[in-house]
N, C-alpha and C. Protein backbone atom coordinates (compact mmCIF):
# COMPACT_ATOMS: atom_id res chain seq x y z
N MET A 1 84.42 136.03 -161.03
CA MET A 1 85.31 135.04 -161.62
C MET A 1 86.31 134.56 -160.58
N THR A 2 86.53 133.27 -160.55
CA THR A 2 87.49 132.69 -159.63
C THR A 2 88.89 132.93 -160.16
N LYS A 3 89.78 133.27 -159.28
CA LYS A 3 91.18 133.52 -159.66
C LYS A 3 91.95 132.20 -159.56
N TYR A 4 92.58 131.82 -160.65
CA TYR A 4 93.38 130.60 -160.70
C TYR A 4 94.84 130.99 -160.87
N PRO A 5 95.74 130.11 -160.44
CA PRO A 5 97.16 130.39 -160.68
C PRO A 5 97.51 130.23 -162.15
N LYS A 6 98.67 130.69 -162.49
CA LYS A 6 99.20 130.55 -163.85
C LYS A 6 99.32 129.06 -164.19
N LYS A 7 99.10 128.75 -165.45
CA LYS A 7 99.25 127.36 -165.91
C LYS A 7 100.68 126.88 -165.72
N THR A 8 100.78 125.59 -165.39
CA THR A 8 102.09 124.96 -165.26
C THR A 8 102.42 124.13 -166.50
N CYS A 9 101.41 123.90 -167.35
CA CYS A 9 101.60 123.12 -168.57
C CYS A 9 100.48 123.48 -169.53
N GLU A 10 100.66 123.17 -170.79
CA GLU A 10 99.64 123.48 -171.79
C GLU A 10 98.51 122.45 -171.75
N ILE A 11 97.34 122.89 -172.12
CA ILE A 11 96.14 122.06 -172.05
C ILE A 11 96.25 120.79 -172.91
N ASP A 12 97.00 120.84 -174.00
CA ASP A 12 97.13 119.66 -174.85
C ASP A 12 97.90 118.52 -174.18
N ARG A 13 98.46 118.78 -173.00
CA ARG A 13 99.17 117.75 -172.22
C ARG A 13 98.29 117.19 -171.09
N LEU A 14 97.03 117.65 -171.02
CA LEU A 14 96.14 117.23 -169.93
C LEU A 14 95.86 115.73 -169.95
N VAL A 15 95.45 115.21 -171.09
CA VAL A 15 95.15 113.78 -171.24
C VAL A 15 96.01 113.27 -172.39
N THR A 16 97.01 112.45 -172.06
CA THR A 16 97.96 112.03 -173.09
C THR A 16 98.07 110.51 -173.26
N HIS A 17 97.89 109.74 -172.21
CA HIS A 17 98.04 108.29 -172.30
C HIS A 17 96.92 107.73 -173.18
N GLN A 18 97.26 106.88 -174.12
CA GLN A 18 96.28 106.40 -175.10
C GLN A 18 95.07 105.74 -174.46
N LYS A 19 95.25 104.96 -173.41
CA LYS A 19 94.09 104.32 -172.76
C LYS A 19 93.16 105.36 -172.16
N LEU A 20 93.71 106.45 -171.66
CA LEU A 20 92.88 107.51 -171.08
C LEU A 20 92.21 108.34 -172.15
N VAL A 21 92.89 108.53 -173.27
CA VAL A 21 92.27 109.22 -174.42
C VAL A 21 91.07 108.40 -174.88
N THR A 22 91.26 107.11 -175.01
CA THR A 22 90.19 106.21 -175.44
C THR A 22 89.02 106.26 -174.45
N ALA A 23 89.33 106.26 -173.16
CA ALA A 23 88.28 106.33 -172.13
C ALA A 23 87.52 107.65 -172.23
N ALA A 24 88.21 108.75 -172.45
CA ALA A 24 87.55 110.05 -172.58
C ALA A 24 86.65 110.07 -173.82
N LEU A 25 87.14 109.55 -174.92
CA LEU A 25 86.36 109.51 -176.14
C LEU A 25 85.10 108.66 -175.99
N ALA A 26 85.19 107.61 -175.15
CA ALA A 26 84.06 106.72 -174.91
C ALA A 26 83.12 107.25 -173.83
N GLY A 27 83.46 108.39 -173.23
CA GLY A 27 82.63 108.96 -172.18
C GLY A 27 82.85 108.35 -170.82
N LYS A 28 83.94 107.61 -170.67
CA LYS A 28 84.23 106.93 -169.39
C LYS A 28 85.25 107.68 -168.55
N LYS A 29 85.71 108.82 -169.01
CA LYS A 29 86.67 109.65 -168.29
C LYS A 29 86.26 111.10 -168.43
N ASN A 30 86.09 111.79 -167.30
CA ASN A 30 85.76 113.21 -167.35
C ASN A 30 86.48 114.02 -166.27
N GLN A 31 87.50 113.43 -165.68
CA GLN A 31 88.34 114.13 -164.71
C GLN A 31 89.81 113.79 -164.97
N GLN A 32 90.67 114.76 -164.65
CA GLN A 32 92.12 114.51 -164.70
C GLN A 32 92.75 115.30 -163.58
N ARG A 33 93.47 114.59 -162.70
CA ARG A 33 94.19 115.24 -161.62
C ARG A 33 95.62 115.48 -162.06
N ARG A 34 96.10 116.66 -161.76
CA ARG A 34 97.47 117.04 -162.06
C ARG A 34 98.01 117.87 -160.91
N ALA A 35 99.33 117.87 -160.77
CA ALA A 35 99.97 118.66 -159.71
C ALA A 35 99.86 120.16 -159.99
N GLY A 36 99.61 120.51 -161.24
CA GLY A 36 99.48 121.93 -161.61
C GLY A 36 98.25 122.16 -162.46
N VAL A 37 98.09 123.38 -162.89
CA VAL A 37 96.95 123.77 -163.72
C VAL A 37 97.33 123.63 -165.20
N TYR A 38 96.51 122.88 -165.93
CA TYR A 38 96.73 122.67 -167.36
C TYR A 38 95.70 123.39 -168.22
N GLY A 39 94.56 123.73 -167.63
CA GLY A 39 93.51 124.40 -168.38
C GLY A 39 92.51 125.05 -167.43
N TYR A 40 91.82 126.06 -167.94
CA TYR A 40 90.85 126.80 -167.14
C TYR A 40 89.43 126.49 -167.61
N PRO A 41 88.43 126.64 -166.74
CA PRO A 41 87.04 126.43 -167.16
C PRO A 41 86.71 127.25 -168.41
N GLY A 42 86.06 126.58 -169.36
CA GLY A 42 85.71 127.20 -170.63
C GLY A 42 86.75 126.96 -171.71
N GLU A 43 87.94 126.56 -171.33
CA GLU A 43 89.00 126.31 -172.31
C GLU A 43 88.78 124.95 -172.96
N GLN A 44 89.07 124.87 -174.25
CA GLN A 44 88.85 123.64 -175.01
C GLN A 44 90.15 122.95 -175.37
N PHE A 45 90.05 121.63 -175.56
CA PHE A 45 91.16 120.83 -176.07
C PHE A 45 90.58 119.75 -176.97
N VAL A 46 91.43 119.14 -177.78
CA VAL A 46 90.98 118.16 -178.77
C VAL A 46 91.74 116.86 -178.58
N LEU A 47 90.98 115.76 -178.58
CA LEU A 47 91.55 114.41 -178.53
C LEU A 47 91.10 113.66 -179.77
N GLU A 48 92.02 113.30 -180.62
CA GLU A 48 91.74 112.55 -181.85
C GLU A 48 90.56 113.15 -182.62
N GLY A 49 90.57 114.47 -182.76
CA GLY A 49 89.55 115.15 -183.55
C GLY A 49 88.26 115.47 -182.82
N THR A 50 88.15 115.08 -181.56
CA THR A 50 86.95 115.35 -180.77
C THR A 50 87.26 116.44 -179.76
N ALA A 51 86.39 117.45 -179.72
CA ALA A 51 86.59 118.60 -178.83
C ALA A 51 86.00 118.35 -177.45
N PHE A 52 86.71 118.83 -176.45
CA PHE A 52 86.29 118.77 -175.05
C PHE A 52 86.44 120.16 -174.46
N VAL A 53 85.71 120.43 -173.39
CA VAL A 53 85.80 121.71 -172.70
C VAL A 53 85.97 121.47 -171.20
N ILE A 54 86.83 122.24 -170.58
CA ILE A 54 86.99 122.18 -169.13
C ILE A 54 85.74 122.81 -168.51
N THR A 55 85.07 122.07 -167.63
CA THR A 55 83.85 122.56 -167.01
C THR A 55 84.07 123.00 -165.56
N ASP A 56 85.14 122.51 -164.93
CA ASP A 56 85.42 122.88 -163.55
C ASP A 56 86.90 122.66 -163.28
N LEU A 57 87.42 123.48 -162.39
CA LEU A 57 88.80 123.37 -161.95
C LEU A 57 88.82 123.67 -160.46
N ARG A 58 89.33 122.74 -159.69
CA ARG A 58 89.38 122.95 -158.24
C ARG A 58 90.60 122.24 -157.67
N GLN A 59 91.04 122.72 -156.54
CA GLN A 59 92.17 122.11 -155.86
C GLN A 59 91.64 121.27 -154.70
N GLU A 60 92.22 120.09 -154.54
CA GLU A 60 91.85 119.23 -153.43
C GLU A 60 93.04 118.37 -153.04
N VAL A 61 92.94 117.71 -151.91
CA VAL A 61 94.00 116.81 -151.49
C VAL A 61 93.62 115.39 -151.90
N LEU A 62 94.62 114.56 -152.14
CA LEU A 62 94.36 113.20 -152.62
C LEU A 62 93.50 112.39 -151.66
N SER A 63 93.56 112.69 -150.36
CA SER A 63 92.74 111.93 -149.41
C SER A 63 91.25 112.14 -149.64
N ASN A 64 90.86 113.19 -150.36
CA ASN A 64 89.45 113.43 -150.66
C ASN A 64 88.96 112.65 -151.87
N MET A 65 89.87 111.99 -152.57
CA MET A 65 89.49 111.25 -153.77
C MET A 65 88.65 110.03 -153.39
N THR A 66 87.56 109.83 -154.13
CA THR A 66 86.62 108.73 -153.86
C THR A 66 86.72 107.65 -154.94
N GLU A 67 86.03 106.56 -154.71
CA GLU A 67 85.93 105.51 -155.73
C GLU A 67 85.32 106.09 -157.01
N ALA A 68 84.28 106.90 -156.85
CA ALA A 68 83.62 107.52 -158.02
C ALA A 68 84.59 108.43 -158.77
N ASP A 69 85.45 109.15 -158.03
CA ASP A 69 86.46 109.99 -158.68
C ASP A 69 87.43 109.15 -159.49
N ALA A 70 87.87 108.02 -158.93
CA ALA A 70 88.79 107.14 -159.66
C ALA A 70 88.14 106.66 -160.95
N GLN A 71 86.86 106.33 -160.88
CA GLN A 71 86.15 105.89 -162.08
C GLN A 71 86.02 107.04 -163.07
N SER A 72 85.81 108.27 -162.57
CA SER A 72 85.74 109.43 -163.45
C SER A 72 87.09 109.75 -164.08
N GLU A 73 88.15 109.24 -163.47
CA GLU A 73 89.50 109.37 -164.04
C GLU A 73 89.75 108.31 -165.11
N GLY A 74 88.83 107.34 -165.22
CA GLY A 74 88.96 106.30 -166.23
C GLY A 74 89.50 104.98 -165.71
N TYR A 75 89.49 104.80 -164.38
CA TYR A 75 90.03 103.60 -163.75
C TYR A 75 88.92 102.82 -163.06
N PRO A 76 89.10 101.50 -162.88
CA PRO A 76 88.02 100.71 -162.28
C PRO A 76 87.75 101.02 -160.81
N ASN A 77 88.80 101.42 -160.07
CA ASN A 77 88.62 101.73 -158.65
C ASN A 77 89.80 102.53 -158.13
N LEU A 78 89.69 103.01 -156.91
CA LEU A 78 90.70 103.87 -156.32
C LEU A 78 92.03 103.15 -156.10
N GLU A 79 91.99 101.91 -155.67
CA GLU A 79 93.23 101.16 -155.43
C GLU A 79 94.02 100.97 -156.73
N PHE A 80 93.33 100.67 -157.81
CA PHE A 80 93.97 100.53 -159.11
C PHE A 80 94.63 101.85 -159.51
N TYR A 81 93.89 102.95 -159.32
CA TYR A 81 94.42 104.28 -159.64
C TYR A 81 95.70 104.56 -158.84
N LYS A 82 95.66 104.33 -157.54
CA LYS A 82 96.83 104.58 -156.69
C LYS A 82 98.02 103.75 -157.15
N ASP A 83 97.80 102.45 -157.38
CA ASP A 83 98.89 101.57 -157.80
C ASP A 83 99.50 102.03 -159.12
N LEU A 84 98.66 102.41 -160.06
CA LEU A 84 99.17 102.83 -161.37
C LEU A 84 99.96 104.13 -161.27
N ILE A 85 99.47 105.09 -160.49
CA ILE A 85 100.18 106.36 -160.32
C ILE A 85 101.58 106.11 -159.74
N ILE A 86 101.67 105.25 -158.76
CA ILE A 86 102.96 104.92 -158.15
C ILE A 86 103.89 104.25 -159.18
N LYS A 87 103.36 103.36 -159.99
CA LYS A 87 104.16 102.68 -161.01
C LYS A 87 104.63 103.66 -162.09
N MET A 88 103.79 104.66 -162.42
CA MET A 88 104.14 105.61 -163.46
C MET A 88 105.20 106.61 -163.02
N HIS A 89 105.35 106.79 -161.71
CA HIS A 89 106.28 107.78 -161.16
C HIS A 89 107.24 107.08 -160.20
N PRO A 90 108.29 106.43 -160.74
CA PRO A 90 109.23 105.70 -159.90
C PRO A 90 109.78 106.56 -158.76
N GLY A 91 109.82 105.97 -157.57
CA GLY A 91 110.35 106.66 -156.40
C GLY A 91 109.31 107.49 -155.67
N MET A 92 108.14 107.66 -156.28
CA MET A 92 107.08 108.44 -155.65
C MET A 92 106.28 107.57 -154.70
N GLU A 93 105.82 108.17 -153.62
CA GLU A 93 104.93 107.49 -152.70
C GLU A 93 103.59 108.19 -152.73
N TRP A 94 102.53 107.48 -152.41
CA TRP A 94 101.20 108.07 -152.35
C TRP A 94 101.13 108.94 -151.11
N ASP A 95 100.90 110.21 -151.31
CA ASP A 95 100.82 111.16 -150.20
C ASP A 95 99.38 111.66 -150.10
N GLU A 96 98.67 111.18 -149.10
CA GLU A 96 97.26 111.55 -148.91
C GLU A 96 97.07 113.06 -148.79
N HIS A 97 98.11 113.79 -148.40
CA HIS A 97 98.02 115.23 -148.18
C HIS A 97 98.44 116.05 -149.41
N GLN A 98 98.85 115.36 -150.47
CA GLN A 98 99.28 116.05 -151.69
C GLN A 98 98.12 116.83 -152.29
N GLU A 99 98.34 118.11 -152.56
CA GLU A 99 97.33 118.91 -153.22
C GLU A 99 97.44 118.72 -154.73
N VAL A 100 96.31 118.55 -155.36
CA VAL A 100 96.25 118.39 -156.81
C VAL A 100 95.15 119.28 -157.37
N TRP A 101 95.23 119.54 -158.66
CA TRP A 101 94.19 120.29 -159.36
C TRP A 101 93.33 119.29 -160.12
N VAL A 102 92.04 119.33 -159.86
CA VAL A 102 91.10 118.45 -160.55
C VAL A 102 90.51 119.23 -161.72
N HIS A 103 90.78 118.74 -162.92
CA HIS A 103 90.23 119.32 -164.14
C HIS A 103 89.04 118.44 -164.54
N GLU A 104 87.85 118.98 -164.51
CA GLU A 104 86.68 118.26 -164.99
C GLU A 104 86.39 118.74 -166.40
N PHE A 105 85.98 117.83 -167.27
CA PHE A 105 85.73 118.19 -168.66
C PHE A 105 84.60 117.35 -169.24
N GLU A 106 84.10 117.81 -170.35
CA GLU A 106 83.07 117.07 -171.07
C GLU A 106 83.26 117.23 -172.56
N LYS A 107 82.75 116.26 -173.28
CA LYS A 107 82.80 116.29 -174.74
C LYS A 107 81.87 117.36 -175.25
N ILE A 108 82.30 118.09 -176.26
CA ILE A 108 81.47 119.11 -176.89
C ILE A 108 80.70 118.42 -178.00
N ASP A 109 79.38 118.50 -177.93
CA ASP A 109 78.56 117.87 -178.96
C ASP A 109 78.72 118.57 -180.30
N ALA A 110 78.95 117.77 -181.32
CA ALA A 110 79.03 118.33 -182.68
C ALA A 110 77.62 118.60 -183.17
N GLU A 111 77.44 119.73 -183.79
CA GLU A 111 76.10 120.08 -184.28
C GLU A 111 76.02 119.95 -185.77
């Protein structure tokens, strides 16, 4: 088992913006980058009555983020993602060396 640090926030705070919730529900979002750990692999969370499970958790630097990663975050491209992050966090600058935790998740099929 991989050792992860203690959570910095609860899993129910992983995906909160309505547009991103909608993207996750539509299957267009399966990653969320955060400065800390919000959930561990195997842990579940619910968005508007739909269950999701964390499938992977890894740390990486923002410079490793690709166009495909930005799309997996629910955005059309990496430049859009960068611009929006800067707008959401006044006074913040994009730091290519910033370490983030990538939470990958998938919808749990209802049986």
